[in-house]
């Protein structure tokens, strides 16, 4: 989670949660991996431990991590699959229509969008 830049646009706990989700989707965190401890993240990024706990609790509530008493928080086996599925659905429903509209407006062809050797 190095080099996190916090923005003013969203609460810190939500930004932290999104960063952990990105690490899961990118394969940096793998199923069964331990998340850094609340205290460690709070110290490393000068955050209130309650902020870190809130982000971790939301991840647990969504079934992406599980608490192991005395051991910490661990990425669940199904987290990446679950996230990929929800991210694909969100992209197709929320982002793709605007992208497609812009492609059509600009008159772009499939060959321009998918250059040979790049697919």
PDB file of N, CA and C in Angstrom:
ATOM      1  N   UNK A   1       0.826  -1.203   0.000  1.00  0.00           N
ATOM      2  CA  UNK A   1       0.000   0.000   0.000  1.00  0.00           C
ATOM      3  C   UNK A   1       0.861   1.254   0.000  1.00  0.00           C
ATOM      4  N   UNK A   2       2.062   1.131  -0.482  1.00  0.00           N
ATOM      5  CA  UNK A   2       2.961   2.272  -0.432  1.00  0.00           C
ATOM      6  C   UNK A   2       2.491   3.406  -1.338  1.00  0.00           C
ATOM      7  N   UNK A   3       2.921   4.607  -0.990  1.00  0.00           N
ATOM      8  CA  UNK A   3       2.667   5.802  -1.794  1.00  0.00           C
ATOM      9  C   UNK A   3       1.188   6.089  -2.029  1.00  0.00           C
ATOM     10  N   UNK A   4       0.390   6.002  -0.995  1.00  0.00           N
ATOM     11  CA  UNK A   4      -1.023   6.351  -1.125  1.00  0.00           C
ATOM     12  C   UNK A   4      -1.157   7.864  -1.045  1.00  0.00           C
ATOM     13  N   UNK A   5      -1.867   8.427  -2.007  1.00  0.00           N
ATOM     14  CA  UNK A   5      -2.177   9.850  -2.004  1.00  0.00           C
ATOM     15  C   UNK A   5      -3.649  10.000  -1.648  1.00  0.00           C
ATOM     16  N   UNK A   6      -3.944  10.626  -0.527  1.00  0.00           N
ATOM     17  CA  UNK A   6      -5.333  10.813  -0.110  1.00  0.00           C
ATOM     18  C   UNK A   6      -5.891  12.035  -0.814  1.00  0.00           C
ATOM     19  N   UNK A   7      -7.124  11.931  -1.272  1.00  0.00           N
ATOM     20  CA  UNK A   7      -7.772  13.078  -1.909  1.00  0.00           C
ATOM     21  C   UNK A   7      -8.860  13.604  -0.981  1.00  0.00           C
ATOM     22  N   UNK A   8      -9.303  14.803  -1.271  1.00  0.00           N
ATOM     23  CA  UNK A   8     -10.364  15.412  -0.470  1.00  0.00           C
ATOM     24  C   UNK A   8     -11.741  14.968  -0.929  1.00  0.00           C
ATOM     25  N   UNK A   9     -11.813  14.251  -2.039  1.00  0.00           N
ATOM     26  CA  UNK A   9     -13.091  13.913  -2.643  1.00  0.00           C
ATOM     27  C   UNK A   9     -13.895  12.841  -1.949  1.00  0.00           C
ATOM     28  N   UNK A  10     -13.254  11.986  -1.172  1.00  0.00           N
ATOM     29  CA  UNK A  10     -13.960  10.878  -0.521  1.00  0.00           C
ATOM     30  C   UNK A  10     -13.358  10.665   0.861  1.00  0.00           C
ATOM     31  N   UNK A  11     -14.141  10.102   1.773  1.00  0.00           N
ATOM     32  CA  UNK A  11     -13.605   9.831   3.111  1.00  0.00           C
ATOM     33  C   UNK A  11     -12.377   8.915   3.030  1.00  0.00           C
ATOM     34  N   UNK A  12     -11.436   9.111   3.939  1.00  0.00           N
ATOM     35  CA  UNK A  12     -10.192   8.342   3.944  1.00  0.00           C
ATOM     36  C   UNK A  12     -10.467   6.846   4.060  1.00  0.00           C
ATOM     37  N   UNK A  13     -11.423   6.447   4.910  1.00  0.00           N
ATOM     38  CA  UNK A  13     -11.681   5.016   5.071  1.00  0.00           C
ATOM     39  C   UNK A  13     -12.119   4.399   3.746  1.00  0.00           C
ATOM     40  N   UNK A  14     -12.885   5.143   2.955  1.00  0.00           N
ATOM     41  CA  UNK A  14     -13.346   4.630   1.667  1.00  0.00           C
ATOM     42  C   UNK A  14     -12.176   4.540   0.678  1.00  0.00           C
ATOM     43  N   UNK A  15     -11.297   5.534   0.699  1.00  0.00           N
ATOM     44  CA  UNK A  15     -10.123   5.500  -0.171  1.00  0.00           C
ATOM     45  C   UNK A  15      -9.219   4.321   0.192  1.00  0.00           C
ATOM     46  N   UNK A  16      -9.052   4.073   1.491  1.00  0.00           N
ATOM     47  CA  UNK A  16      -8.247   2.940   1.947  1.00  0.00           C
ATOM     48  C   UNK A  16      -8.884   1.627   1.510  1.00  0.00           C
ATOM     49  N   UNK A  17     -10.179   1.519   1.679  1.00  0.00           N
ATOM     50  CA  UNK A  17     -10.903   0.318   1.250  1.00  0.00           C
ATOM     51  C   UNK A  17     -10.712   0.090  -0.246  1.00  0.00           C
ATOM     52  N   UNK A  18     -10.837   1.129  -1.057  1.00  0.00           N
ATOM     53  CA  UNK A  18     -10.670   1.006  -2.507  1.00  0.00           C
ATOM     54  C   UNK A  18      -9.246   0.599  -2.868  1.00  0.00           C
ATOM     55  N   UNK A  19      -8.275   1.074  -2.097  1.00  0.00           N
ATOM     56  CA  UNK A  19      -6.876   0.693  -2.353  1.00  0.00           C
ATOM     57  C   UNK A  19      -6.677  -0.796  -2.079  1.00  0.00           C
ATOM     58  N   UNK A  20      -7.253  -1.302  -0.994  1.00  0.00           N
ATOM     59  CA  UNK A  20      -7.148  -2.728  -0.680  1.00  0.00           C
ATOM     60  C   UNK A  20      -7.835  -3.546  -1.777  1.00  0.00           C
ATOM     61  N   UNK A  21      -9.000  -3.092  -2.223  1.00  0.00           N
ATOM     62  CA  UNK A  21      -9.716  -3.777  -3.308  1.00  0.00           C
ATOM     63  C   UNK A  21      -8.856  -3.810  -4.572  1.00  0.00           C
ATOM     64  N   UNK A  22      -8.201  -2.699  -4.907  1.00  0.00           N
ATOM     65  CA  UNK A  22      -7.321  -2.661  -6.081  1.00  0.00           C
ATOM     66  C   UNK A  22      -6.180  -3.663  -5.932  1.00  0.00           C
ATOM     67  N   UNK A  23      -5.633  -3.774  -4.730  1.00  0.00           N
ATOM     68  CA  UNK A  23      -4.556  -4.737  -4.487  1.00  0.00           C
ATOM     69  C   UNK A  23      -5.051  -6.172  -4.677  1.00  0.00           C
ATOM     70  N   UNK A  24      -6.290  -6.431  -4.305  1.00  0.00           N
ATOM     71  CA  UNK A  24      -6.876  -7.761  -4.505  1.00  0.00           C
ATOM     72  C   UNK A  24      -7.068  -8.047  -5.991  1.00  0.00           C
ATOM     73  N   UNK A  25      -7.616  -7.091  -6.716  1.00  0.00           N
ATOM     74  CA  UNK A  25      -7.867  -7.268  -8.146  1.00  0.00           C
ATOM     75  C   UNK A  25      -6.571  -7.369  -8.950  1.00  0.00           C
ATOM     76  N   UNK A  26      -5.540  -6.655  -8.506  1.00  0.00           N
ATOM     77  CA  UNK A  26      -4.253  -6.666  -9.210  1.00  0.00           C
ATOM     78  C   UNK A  26      -3.387  -7.867  -8.840  1.00  0.00           C
ATOM     79  N   UNK A  27      -3.847  -8.667  -7.872  1.00  0.00           N
ATOM     80  CA  UNK A  27      -3.084  -9.843  -7.470  1.00  0.00           C
ATOM     81  C   UNK A  27      -1.957  -9.564  -6.499  1.00  0.00           C
ATOM     82  N   UNK A  28      -1.883  -8.344  -5.998  1.00  0.00           N
ATOM     83  CA  UNK A  28      -0.875  -8.019  -4.986  1.00  0.00           C
ATOM     84  C   UNK A  28      -1.223  -8.748  -3.697  1.00  0.00           C
ATOM     85  N   UNK A  29      -2.511  -8.727  -3.346  1.00  0.00           N
ATOM     86  CA  UNK A  29      -3.024  -9.555  -2.250  1.00  0.00           C
ATOM     87  C   UNK A  29      -3.663 -10.777  -2.879  1.00  0.00           C
ATOM     88  N   UNK A  30      -3.348 -11.932  -2.340  1.00  0.00           N
ATOM     89  CA  UNK A  30      -3.891 -13.188  -2.865  1.00  0.00           C
ATOM     90  C   UNK A  30      -4.766 -13.846  -1.806  1.00  0.00           C
ATOM     91  N   UNK A  31      -5.676 -14.725  -2.222  1.00  0.00           N
ATOM     92  CA  UNK A  31      -6.520 -15.418  -1.243  1.00  0.00           C
ATOM     93  C   UNK A  31      -5.673 -16.047  -0.136  1.00  0.00           C
ATOM     94  N   UNK A  32      -6.095 -15.794   1.095  1.00  0.00           N
ATOM     95  CA  UNK A  32      -5.377 -16.315   2.256  1.00  0.00           C
ATOM     96  C   UNK A  32      -4.318 -15.381   2.799  1.00  0.00           C
ATOM     97  N   UNK A  33      -3.957 -14.337   2.044  1.00  0.00           N
ATOM     98  CA  UNK A  33      -2.955 -13.381   2.522  1.00  0.00           C
ATOM     99  C   UNK A  33      -3.521 -12.542   3.656  1.00  0.00           C
ATOM    100  N   UNK A  34      -2.650 -12.224   4.597  1.00  0.00           N
ATOM    101  CA  UNK A  34      -3.025 -11.343   5.703  1.00  0.00           C
ATOM    102  C   UNK A  34      -2.944  -9.891   5.252  1.00  0.00           C
ATOM    103  N   UNK A  35      -3.907  -9.100   5.681  1.00  0.00           N
ATOM    104  CA  UNK A  35      -3.832  -7.662   5.469  1.00  0.00           C
ATOM    105  C   UNK A  35      -2.897  -7.093   6.531  1.00  0.00           C
ATOM    106  N   UNK A  36      -2.241  -5.973   6.243  1.00  0.00           N
ATOM    107  CA  UNK A  36      -1.431  -5.341   7.286  1.00  0.00           C
ATOM    108  C   UNK A  36      -2.320  -5.022   8.489  1.00  0.00           C
ATOM    109  N   UNK A  37      -1.749  -5.069   9.674  1.00  0.00           N
ATOM    110  CA  UNK A  37      -2.546  -4.822  10.878  1.00  0.00           C
ATOM    111  C   UNK A  37      -3.076  -3.390  10.889  1.00  0.00           C
ATOM    112  N   UNK A  38      -4.164  -3.208  11.617  1.00  0.00           N
ATOM    113  CA  UNK A  38      -4.760  -1.878  11.762  1.00  0.00           C
ATOM    114  C   UNK A  38      -3.724  -0.912  12.309  1.00  0.00           C
ATOM    115  N   UNK A  39      -3.012  -1.334  13.339  1.00  0.00           N
ATOM    116  CA  UNK A  39      -2.004  -0.456  13.953  1.00  0.00           C
ATOM    117  C   UNK A  39      -0.896  -0.100  12.970  1.00  0.00           C
ATOM    118  N   UNK A  40      -0.471  -1.084  12.183  1.00  0.00           N
ATOM    119  CA  UNK A  40       0.607  -0.841  11.223  1.00  0.00           C
ATOM    120  C   UNK A  40       0.180   0.164  10.157  1.00  0.00           C
ATOM    121  N   UNK A  41      -1.010  -0.023   9.597  1.00  0.00           N
ATOM    122  CA  UNK A  41      -1.509   0.902   8.570  1.00  0.00           C
ATOM    123  C   UNK A  41      -1.697   2.295   9.166  1.00  0.00           C
ATOM    124  N   UNK A  42      -2.261   2.350  10.367  1.00  0.00           N
ATOM    125  CA  UNK A  42      -2.471   3.642  11.026  1.00  0.00           C
ATOM    126  C   UNK A  42      -1.142   4.361  11.239  1.00  0.00           C
ATOM    127  N   UNK A  43      -0.133   3.630  11.682  1.00  0.00           N
ATOM    128  CA  UNK A  43       1.180   4.237  11.920  1.00  0.00           C
ATOM    129  C   UNK A  43       1.852   4.645  10.608  1.00  0.00           C
ATOM    130  N   UNK A  44       1.814   3.769   9.617  1.00  0.00           N
ATOM    131  CA  UNK A  44       2.486   4.040   8.340  1.00  0.00           C
ATOM    132  C   UNK A  44       1.916   5.252   7.614  1.00  0.00           C
ATOM    133  N   UNK A  45       0.601   5.445   7.718  1.00  0.00           N
ATOM    134  CA  UNK A  45      -0.048   6.512   6.956  1.00  0.00           C
ATOM    135  C   UNK A  45      -0.609   7.624   7.833  1.00  0.00           C
ATOM    136  N   UNK A  46      -0.213   7.603   9.101  1.00  0.00           N
ATOM    137  CA  UNK A  46      -0.638   8.625  10.059  1.00  0.00           C
ATOM    138  C   UNK A  46      -2.154   8.791  10.057  1.00  0.00           C
ATOM    139  N   UNK A  47      -2.834   7.654  10.193  1.00  0.00           N
ATOM    140  CA  UNK A  47      -4.290   7.633  10.236  1.00  0.00           C
ATOM    141  C   UNK A  47      -4.757   7.245  11.627  1.00  0.00           C
ATOM    142  N   UNK A  48      -5.973   7.613  11.930  1.00  0.00           N
ATOM    143  CA  UNK A  48      -6.596   7.161  13.161  1.00  0.00           C
ATOM    144  C   UNK A  48      -6.903   5.672  13.001  1.00  0.00           C
ATOM    145  N   UNK A  49      -6.561   4.836  13.985  1.00  0.00           N
ATOM    146  CA  UNK A  49      -6.870   3.409  13.880  1.00  0.00           C
ATOM    147  C   UNK A  49      -8.353   3.127  13.633  1.00  0.00           C
ATOM    148  N   UNK A  50      -9.231   4.001  14.107  1.00  0.00           N
ATOM    149  CA  UNK A  50     -10.667   3.817  13.886  1.00  0.00           C
ATOM    150  C   UNK A  50     -10.986   3.928  12.389  1.00  0.00           C
ATOM    151  N   UNK A  51     -10.285   4.808  11.688  1.00  0.00           N
ATOM    152  CA  UNK A  51     -10.464   4.954  10.240  1.00  0.00           C
ATOM    153  C   UNK A  51     -10.085   3.667   9.523  1.00  0.00           C
ATOM    154  N   UNK A  52      -8.947   3.093   9.899  1.00  0.00           N
ATOM    155  CA  UNK A  52      -8.483   1.842   9.290  1.00  0.00           C
ATOM    156  C   UNK A  52      -9.456   0.717   9.629  1.00  0.00           C
ATOM    157  N   UNK A  53      -9.883   0.660  10.889  1.00  0.00           N
ATOM    158  CA  UNK A  53     -10.834  -0.376  11.313  1.00  0.00           C
ATOM    159  C   UNK A  53     -12.130  -0.296  10.525  1.00  0.00           C
ATOM    160  N   UNK A  54     -12.588   0.901  10.256  1.00  0.00           N
ATOM    161  CA  UNK A  54     -13.837   1.062   9.501  1.00  0.00           C
ATOM    162  C   UNK A  54     -13.684   0.518   8.083  1.00  0.00           C
ATOM    163  N   UNK A  55     -12.566   0.819   7.440  1.00  0.00           N
ATOM    164  CA  UNK A  55     -12.314   0.297   6.090  1.00  0.00           C
ATOM    165  C   UNK A  55     -12.269  -1.224   6.115  1.00  0.00           C
ATOM    166  N   UNK A  56     -11.551  -1.790   7.073  1.00  0.00           N
ATOM    167  CA  UNK A  56     -11.439  -3.243   7.184  1.00  0.00           C
ATOM    168  C   UNK A  56     -12.788  -3.876   7.501  1.00  0.00           C
ATOM    169  N   UNK A  57     -13.583  -3.221   8.342  1.00  0.00           N
ATOM    170  CA  UNK A  57     -14.895  -3.767   8.690  1.00  0.00           C
ATOM    171  C   UNK A  57     -15.806  -3.817   7.469  1.00  0.00           C
ATOM    172  N   UNK A  58     -15.753  -2.793   6.636  1.00  0.00           N
ATOM    173  CA  UNK A  58     -16.564  -2.809   5.412  1.00  0.00           C
ATOM    174  C   UNK A  58     -16.133  -3.939   4.482  1.00  0.00           C
ATOM    175  N   UNK A  59     -14.829  -4.170   4.395  1.00  0.00           N
ATOM    176  CA  UNK A  59     -14.333  -5.287   3.584  1.00  0.00           C
ATOM    177  C   UNK A  59     -14.837  -6.615   4.144  1.00  0.00           C
ATOM    178  N   UNK A  60     -14.859  -6.735   5.469  1.00  0.00           N
ATOM    179  CA  UNK A  60     -15.363  -7.959   6.110  1.00  0.00           C
ATOM    180  C   UNK A  60     -16.863  -8.105   5.888  1.00  0.00           C
ATOM    181  N   UNK A  61     -17.598  -7.004   6.005  1.00  0.00           N
ATOM    182  CA  UNK A  61     -19.052  -7.037   5.799  1.00  0.00           C
ATOM    183  C   UNK A  61     -19.410  -7.486   4.383  1.00  0.00           C
ATOM    184  N   UNK A  62     -18.542  -7.184   3.432  1.00  0.00           N
ATOM    185  CA  UNK A  62     -18.772  -7.561   2.037  1.00  0.00           C
ATOM    186  C   UNK A  62     -18.232  -8.956   1.715  1.00  0.00           C
ATOM    187  N   UNK A  63     -17.652  -9.619   2.714  1.00  0.00           N
ATOM    188  CA  UNK A  63     -17.144 -10.978   2.519  1.00  0.00           C
ATOM    189  C   UNK A  63     -15.819 -11.048   1.783  1.00  0.00           C
ATOM    190  N   UNK A  64     -15.110  -9.938   1.709  1.00  0.00           N
ATOM    191  CA  UNK A  64     -13.835  -9.901   0.992  1.00  0.00           C
ATOM    192  C   UNK A  64     -12.662 -10.293   1.884  1.00  0.00           C
ATOM    193  N   UNK A  65     -12.806 -10.044   3.171  1.00  0.00           N
ATOM    194  CA  UNK A  65     -11.801 -10.461   4.150  1.00  0.00           C
ATOM    195  C   UNK A  65     -12.517 -11.134   5.306  1.00  0.00           C
ATOM    196  N   UNK A  66     -11.761 -11.942   6.042  1.00  0.00           N
ATOM    197  CA  UNK A  66     -12.323 -12.584   7.222  1.00  0.00           C
ATOM    198  C   UNK A  66     -11.416 -12.312   8.412  1.00  0.00           C
ATOM    199  N   UNK A  67     -12.045 -12.155   9.564  1.00  0.00           N
ATOM    200  CA  UNK A  67     -11.303 -11.936  10.799  1.00  0.00           C
ATOM    201  C   UNK A  67     -10.934 -13.288  11.385  1.00  0.00           C
ATOM    202  N   UNK A  68      -9.690 -13.408  11.788  1.00  0.00           N
ATOM    203  CA  UNK A  68      -9.248 -14.596  12.515  1.00  0.00           C
ATOM    204  C   UNK A  68      -8.757 -14.105  13.864  1.00  0.00           C
ATOM    205  N   UNK A  69      -9.514 -14.444  14.871  1.00  0.00           N
ATOM    206  CA  UNK A  69      -9.251 -13.946  16.219  1.00  0.00           C
ATOM    207  C   UNK A  69      -7.790 -14.154  16.616  1.00  0.00           C
ATOM    208  N   UNK A  70      -7.169 -13.065  17.006  1.00  0.00           N
ATOM    209  CA  UNK A  70      -5.786 -13.102  17.445  1.00  0.00           C
ATOM    210  C   UNK A  70      -4.768 -13.131  16.318  1.00  0.00           C
ATOM    211  N   UNK A  71      -5.228 -13.262  15.089  1.00  0.00           N
ATOM    212  CA  UNK A  71      -4.310 -13.353  13.952  1.00  0.00           C
ATOM    213  C   UNK A  71      -4.425 -12.174  12.993  1.00  0.00           C
ATOM    214  N   UNK A  72      -5.624 -11.617  12.850  1.00  0.00           N
ATOM    215  CA  UNK A  72      -5.806 -10.478  11.962  1.00  0.00           C
ATOM    216  C   UNK A  72      -6.872 -10.710  10.913  1.00  0.00           C
ATOM    217  N   UNK A  73      -6.754  -9.966   9.824  1.00  0.00           N
ATOM    218  CA  UNK A  73      -7.708 -10.023   8.716  1.00  0.00           C
ATOM    219  C   UNK A  73      -7.016 -10.676   7.524  1.00  0.00           C
ATOM    220  N   UNK A  74      -7.767 -11.556   6.839  1.00  0.00           N
ATOM    221  CA  UNK A  74      -7.219 -12.306   5.715  1.00  0.00           C
ATOM    222  C   UNK A  74      -8.160 -12.231   4.523  1.00  0.00           C
ATOM    223  N   UNK A  75      -7.572 -12.152   3.331  1.00  0.00           N
ATOM    224  CA  UNK A  75      -8.367 -12.135   2.102  1.00  0.00           C
ATOM    225  C   UNK A  75      -9.052 -13.485   1.942  1.00  0.00           C
ATOM    226  N   UNK A  76     -10.344 -13.453   1.629  1.00  0.00           N
ATOM    227  CA  UNK A  76     -11.096 -14.694   1.447  1.00  0.00           C
ATOM    228  C   UNK A  76     -10.777 -15.313   0.089  1.00  0.00           C
ATOM    229  N   UNK A  77     -11.081 -16.593  -0.028  1.00  0.00           N
ATOM    230  CA  UNK A  77     -10.808 -17.331  -1.268  1.00  0.00           C
ATOM    231  C   UNK A  77     -11.600 -16.779  -2.452  1.00  0.00           C
ATOM    232  N   UNK A  78     -12.828 -16.335  -2.199  1.00  0.00           N
ATOM    233  CA  UNK A  78     -13.695 -15.891  -3.294  1.00  0.00           C
ATOM    234  C   UNK A  78     -13.617 -14.388  -3.560  1.00  0.00           C
ATOM    235  N   UNK A  79     -12.794 -13.651  -2.839  1.00  0.00           N
ATOM    236  CA  UNK A  79     -12.776 -12.188  -2.944  1.00  0.00           C
ATOM    237  C   UNK A  79     -12.496 -11.691  -4.363  1.00  0.00           C
ATOM    238  N   UNK A  80     -11.446 -12.190  -4.999  1.00  0.00           N
ATOM    239  CA  UNK A  80     -11.080 -11.684  -6.329  1.00  0.00           C
ATOM    240  C   UNK A  80     -12.178 -11.972  -7.348  1.00  0.00           C
ATOM    241  N   UNK A  81     -12.743 -13.176  -7.302  1.00  0.00           N
ATOM    242  CA  UNK A  81     -13.817 -13.538  -8.229  1.00  0.00           C
ATOM    243  C   UNK A  81     -15.037 -12.658  -8.002  1.00  0.00           C
ATOM    244  N   UNK A  82     -15.389 -12.471  -6.738  1.00  0.00           N
ATOM    245  CA  UNK A  82     -16.537 -11.636  -6.373  1.00  0.00           C
ATOM    246  C   UNK A  82     -16.316 -10.197  -6.836  1.00  0.00           C
ATOM    247  N   UNK A  83     -15.129  -9.669  -6.593  1.00  0.00           N
ATOM    248  CA  UNK A  83     -14.824  -8.292  -6.986  1.00  0.00           C
ATOM    249  C   UNK A  83     -14.821  -8.126  -8.500  1.00  0.00           C
ATOM    250  N   UNK A  84     -14.193  -9.056  -9.195  1.00  0.00           N
ATOM    251  CA  UNK A  84     -14.130  -8.971 -10.649  1.00  0.00           C
ATOM    252  C   UNK A  84     -15.535  -8.970 -11.241  1.00  0.00           C
ATOM    253  N   UNK A  85     -16.387  -9.817 -10.707  1.00  0.00           N
ATOM    254  CA  UNK A  85     -17.763  -9.899 -11.192  1.00  0.00           C
ATOM    255  C   UNK A  85     -18.506  -8.584 -10.964  1.00  0.00           C
ATOM    256  N   UNK A  86     -18.398  -8.036  -9.763  1.00  0.00           N
ATOM    257  CA  UNK A  86     -19.114  -6.788  -9.471  1.00  0.00           C
ATOM    258  C   UNK A  86     -18.520  -5.609 -10.236  1.00  0.00           C
ATOM    259  N   UNK A  87     -17.197  -5.592 -10.414  1.00  0.00           N
ATOM    260  CA  UNK A  87     -16.563  -4.515 -11.175  1.00  0.00           C
ATOM    261  C   UNK A  87     -16.952  -4.582 -12.656  1.00  0.00           C
ATOM    262  N   UNK A  88     -17.017  -5.803 -13.211  1.00  0.00           N
ATOM    263  CA  UNK A  88     -17.435  -5.963 -14.610  1.00  0.00           C
ATOM    264  C   UNK A  88     -18.864  -5.456 -14.793  1.00  0.00           C
ATOM    265  N   UNK A  89     -19.740  -5.843 -13.872  1.00  0.00           N
ATOM    266  CA  UNK A  89     -21.142  -5.422 -13.956  1.00  0.00           C
ATOM    267  C   UNK A  89     -21.263  -3.904 -13.860  1.00  0.00           C
ATOM    268  N   UNK A  90     -20.522  -3.317 -12.922  1.00  0.00           N
ATOM    269  CA  UNK A  90     -20.557  -1.867 -12.752  1.00  0.00           C
ATOM    270  C   UNK A  90     -20.040  -1.179 -14.017  1.00  0.00           C
ATOM    271  N   UNK A  91     -18.937  -1.680 -14.581  1.00  0.00           N
ATOM    272  CA  UNK A  91     -18.378  -1.091 -15.797  1.00  0.00           C
ATOM    273  C   UNK A  91     -19.374  -1.164 -16.947  1.00  0.00           C
ATOM    274  N   UNK A  92     -19.948  -2.338 -17.149  1.00  0.00           N
ATOM    275  CA  UNK A  92     -20.875  -2.518 -18.272  1.00  0.00           C
ATOM    276  C   UNK A  92     -22.139  -1.678 -18.128  1.00  0.00           C
ATOM    277  N   UNK A  93     -22.606  -1.495 -16.903  1.00  0.00           N
ATOM    278  CA  UNK A  93     -23.844  -0.745 -16.677  1.00  0.00           C
ATOM    279  C   UNK A  93     -23.639   0.756 -16.525  1.00  0.00           C
ATOM    280  N   UNK A  94     -22.510   1.164 -15.957  1.00  0.00           N
ATOM    281  CA  UNK A  94     -22.322   2.574 -15.635  1.00  0.00           C
ATOM    282  C   UNK A  94     -21.330   3.294 -16.543  1.00  0.00           C
ATOM    283  N   UNK A  95     -20.250   2.632 -16.927  1.00  0.00           N
ATOM    284  CA  UNK A  95     -19.205   3.309 -17.691  1.00  0.00           C
ATOM    285  C   UNK A  95     -19.269   3.028 -19.192  1.00  0.00           C
ATOM    286  N   UNK A  96     -19.522   1.776 -19.560  1.00  0.00           N
ATOM    287  CA  UNK A  96     -19.485   1.394 -20.974  1.00  0.00           C
ATOM    288  C   UNK A  96     -20.445   2.188 -21.853  1.00  0.00           C
ATOM    289  N   UNK A  97     -21.680   2.458 -21.434  1.00  0.00           N
ATOM    290  CA  UNK A  97     -22.573   3.221 -22.318  1.00  0.00           C
ATOM    291  C   UNK A  97     -21.977   4.563 -22.755  1.00  0.00           C
ATOM    292  N   UNK A  98     -21.316   5.266 -21.849  1.00  0.00           N
ATOM    293  CA  UNK A  98     -20.706   6.551 -22.207  1.00  0.00           C
ATOM    294  C   UNK A  98     -19.506   6.346 -23.127  1.00  0.00           C
ATOM    295  N   UNK A  99     -18.720   5.297 -22.876  1.00  0.00           N
ATOM    296  CA  UNK A  99     -17.571   4.994 -23.735  1.00  0.00           C
ATOM    297  C   UNK A  99     -18.053   4.656 -25.145  1.00  0.00           C
ATOM    298  N   UNK A 100     -19.054   3.797 -25.236  1.00  0.00           N
ATOM    299  CA  UNK A 100     -19.595   3.395 -26.536  1.00  0.00           C
ATOM    300  C   UNK A 100     -20.151   4.600 -27.297  1.00  0.00           C
ATOM    301  N   UNK A 101     -20.858   5.455 -26.595  1.00  0.00           N
ATOM    302  CA  UNK A 101     -21.410   6.659 -27.226  1.00  0.00           C
ATOM    303  C   UNK A 101     -20.294   7.530 -27.795  1.00  0.00           C
ATOM    304  N   UNK A 102     -19.209   7.659 -27.053  1.00  0.00           N
ATOM    305  CA  UNK A 102     -18.089   8.483 -27.523  1.00  0.00           C
ATOM    306  C   UNK A 102     -17.405   7.835 -28.726  1.00  0.00           C
ATOM    307  N   UNK A 103     -17.244   6.521 -28.696  1.00  0.00           N
ATOM    308  CA  UNK A 103     -16.656   5.795 -29.831  1.00  0.00           C
ATOM    309  C   UNK A 103     -17.484   6.044 -31.085  1.00  0.00           C
ATOM    310  N   UNK A 104     -18.795   5.944 -30.945  1.00  0.00           N
ATOM    311  CA  UNK A 104     -19.684   6.145 -32.089  1.00  0.00           C
ATOM    312  C   UNK A 104     -19.636   7.590 -32.575  1.00  0.00           C
ATOM    313  N   UNK A 105     -19.624   8.531 -31.647  1.00  0.00           N
ATOM    314  CA  UNK A 105     -19.585   9.946 -32.003  1.00  0.00           C
ATOM    315  C   UNK A 105     -18.308  10.282 -32.767  1.00  0.00           C
ATOM    316  N   UNK A 106     -17.195   9.650 -32.401  1.00  0.00           N
ATOM    317  CA  UNK A 106     -15.916   9.912 -33.052  1.00  0.00           C
ATOM    318  C   UNK A 106     -15.714   9.082 -34.317  1.00  0.00           C
ATOM    319  N   UNK A 107     -16.624   8.150 -34.567  1.00  0.00           N
ATOM    320  CA  UNK A 107     -16.531   7.322 -35.763  1.00  0.00           C
ATOM    321  C   UNK A 107     -15.340   6.384 -35.764  1.00  0.00           C
ATOM    322  N   UNK A 108     -14.955   5.918 -34.602  1.00  0.00           N
ATOM    323  CA  UNK A 108     -13.807   5.016 -34.504  1.00  0.00           C
ATOM    324  C   UNK A 108     -14.177   3.615 -34.968  1.00  0.00           C
ATOM    325  N   UNK A 109     -13.226   2.966 -35.640  1.00  0.00           N
ATOM    326  CA  UNK A 109     -13.452   1.594 -36.107  1.00  0.00           C
ATOM    327  C   UNK A 109     -12.808   0.608 -35.131  1.00  0.00           C
ATOM    328  N   UNK A 110     -13.197  -0.648 -35.285  1.00  0.00           N
ATOM    329  CA  UNK A 110     -12.610  -1.700 -34.460  1.00  0.00           C
ATOM    330  C   UNK A 110     -11.110  -1.800 -34.684  1.00  0.00           C
ATOM    331  N   UNK A 111     -10.662  -1.617 -35.927  1.00  0.00           N
ATOM    332  CA  UNK A 111      -9.231  -1.674 -36.228  1.00  0.00           C
ATOM    333  C   UNK A 111      -8.464  -0.567 -35.505  1.00  0.00           C
ATOM    334  N   UNK A 112      -9.072   0.594 -35.385  1.00  0.00           N
ATOM    335  CA  UNK A 112      -8.422   1.696 -34.668  1.00  0.00           C
ATOM    336  C   UNK A 112      -8.387   1.435 -33.167  1.00  0.00           C
ATOM    337  N   UNK A 113      -9.445   0.820 -32.672  1.00  0.00           N
ATOM    338  CA  UNK A 113      -9.533   0.556 -31.239  1.00  0.00           C
ATOM    339  C   UNK A 113      -8.677  -0.627 -30.810  1.00  0.00           C
ATOM    340  N   UNK A 114      -8.555  -1.615 -31.687  1.00  0.00           N
ATOM    341  CA  UNK A 114      -7.818  -2.835 -31.365  1.00  0.00           C
ATOM    342  C   UNK A 114      -6.729  -3.067 -32.405  1.00  0.00           C
ATOM    343  N   UNK A 115      -5.631  -2.307 -32.332  1.00  0.00           N
ATOM    344  CA  UNK A 115      -4.557  -2.463 -33.316  1.00  0.00           C
ATOM    345  C   UNK A 115      -4.016  -3.894 -33.324  1.00  0.00           C
ATOM    346  N   UNK A 116      -3.635  -4.355 -34.514  1.00  0.00           N
ATOM    347  CA  UNK A 116      -3.104  -5.713 -34.663  1.00  0.00           C
ATOM    348  C   UNK A 116      -1.909  -5.908 -33.729  1.00  0.00           C
ATOM    349  N   UNK A 117      -1.861  -7.083 -33.125  1.00  0.00           N
ATOM    350  CA  UNK A 117      -0.764  -7.411 -32.230  1.00  0.00           C
ATOM    351  C   UNK A 117      -0.923  -6.884 -30.819  1.00  0.00           C
ATOM    352  N   UNK A 118      -1.935  -6.099 -30.572  1.00  0.00           N
ATOM    353  CA  UNK A 118      -2.154  -5.530 -29.239  1.00  0.00           C
ATOM    354  C   UNK A 118      -3.227  -6.278 -28.465  1.00  0.00           C
ATOM    355  N   UNK A 119      -3.920  -7.195 -29.134  1.00  0.00           N
ATOM    356  CA  UNK A 119      -5.027  -7.906 -28.492  1.00  0.00           C
ATOM    357  C   UNK A 119      -4.550  -9.243 -27.999  1.00  0.00           C
TER     358      UNK A 119
END
